[in-house]
Each structure stands twice: as structure tokens, then as C-alpha cells.
Amino acid sequence: MTIQEFLDWIYKTYELKNPYDAVKKAMELLKVTEMSIYHWKNGKRKLQPYMQQLIAVTIENHDLKKKLSEK
């Protein structure tokens, strides 16, 4: 998953009002700076495998919590 796909997922999942709110939420979820998000997004820095794994785990965790709350 690319950082843009993750931002799109955040935007949709959390029903945010504007794209910048997705960047702020990504900062919170990944514990990174705004500059890191934009560097990945603009291709100035490569998204490392450990960060890709963190994104995948973050999404899985969200989905599991959602399923548990529905029961």
C-alpha cells in the first residue's frame, strides 16, 4: 500500500472533512511528522518496509476492533 492509498483509506474510514485531516490522522496513527508524510507522498523519501508493515497492521487492527464492536 502506498502512503496515498493509506491517506485515502483514512479519509474514507474516519469520514474526514478535508484531505489535510487525513494527513494529521496519519501522523497520529504512525507516530511520524507531517514532513515525513509529505516526503513519502511526493516521492522524496522511500516508504520503508517496516512502515508499510505498520500501515498494514494499523488497518488490520482497526478492522478487528470494528468487527468486535459490531458483535
Protein backbone atom coordinates (compact mmCIF):
# COMPACT_ATOMS: atom_id res chain seq x y z
CA MET A 1 0.00 0.00 0.00
CA THR A 2 1.28 3.45 -0.85
CA ILE A 3 1.09 6.39 1.52
CA GLN A 4 -1.54 7.95 -0.75
CA GLU A 5 -3.69 4.81 -0.54
CA PHE A 6 -3.32 4.91 3.24
CA LEU A 7 -4.35 8.58 3.32
CA ASP A 8 -7.35 7.76 1.13
CA TRP A 9 -8.28 4.91 3.48
CA ILE A 10 -8.04 7.24 6.49
CA TYR A 11 -10.10 9.92 4.73
CA LYS A 12 -12.88 7.44 3.93
CA THR A 13 -12.77 5.38 7.14
CA TYR A 14 -12.83 8.31 9.53
CA GLU A 15 -15.21 10.34 7.30
CA LEU A 16 -12.98 13.40 7.37
CA LYS A 17 -13.90 16.81 6.00
CA ASN A 18 -10.70 17.58 4.07
CA PRO A 19 -7.54 15.79 2.90
CA TYR A 20 -5.29 17.62 5.37
CA ASP A 21 -7.21 15.99 8.22
CA ALA A 22 -6.14 12.62 6.78
CA VAL A 23 -2.50 13.73 6.98
CA LYS A 24 -2.97 14.75 10.62
CA LYS A 25 -4.62 11.40 11.42
CA ALA A 26 -1.81 9.51 9.65
CA MET A 27 0.71 11.43 11.76
CA GLU A 28 -1.15 10.32 14.88
CA LEU A 29 -1.52 6.68 13.82
CA LEU A 30 2.05 6.23 12.56
CA LYS A 31 3.74 8.50 15.12
CA VAL A 32 5.61 10.44 12.42
CA THR A 33 5.96 14.08 11.45
CA GLU A 34 3.96 15.92 8.84
CA MET A 35 7.16 16.35 6.83
CA SER A 36 7.64 12.57 6.69
CA ILE A 37 4.14 12.09 5.30
CA TYR A 38 4.74 14.69 2.57
CA HIS A 39 8.20 13.32 1.72
CA TRP A 40 6.70 9.87 1.19
CA LYS A 41 3.76 11.29 -0.71
CA ASN A 42 5.94 13.39 -3.03
CA GLY A 43 8.49 10.63 -3.57
CA LYS A 44 11.33 12.46 -1.85
CA ARG A 45 11.76 9.57 0.56
CA LYS A 46 11.02 5.88 0.09
CA LEU A 47 8.40 4.29 2.33
CA GLN A 48 10.42 1.69 4.21
CA PRO A 49 9.18 -1.92 4.57
CA TYR A 50 8.72 -1.56 8.34
CA MET A 51 6.48 1.45 7.77
CA GLN A 52 4.48 -0.46 5.15
CA GLN A 53 4.02 -3.22 7.74
CA LEU A 54 2.93 -0.69 10.35
CA ILE A 55 0.33 0.67 7.93
CA ALA A 56 -0.96 -2.86 7.25
CA VAL A 57 -1.14 -3.67 10.98
CA THR A 58 -2.89 -0.36 11.68
CA ILE A 59 -5.59 -1.18 9.13
CA GLU A 60 -5.96 -4.76 10.39
CA ASN A 61 -6.23 -3.52 13.97
CA HIS A 62 -8.93 -1.03 13.00
CA ASP A 63 -10.88 -3.72 11.15
CA LEU A 64 -10.66 -6.15 14.08
CA LYS A 65 -11.86 -3.50 16.55
CA LYS A 66 -14.75 -2.69 14.24
CA LYS A 67 -15.79 -6.35 13.98
CA LEU A 68 -15.61 -6.82 17.75
CA SER A 69 -17.72 -3.74 18.41
CA GLU A 70 -20.40 -4.99 15.99
CA LYS A 71 -20.90 -8.21 17.98
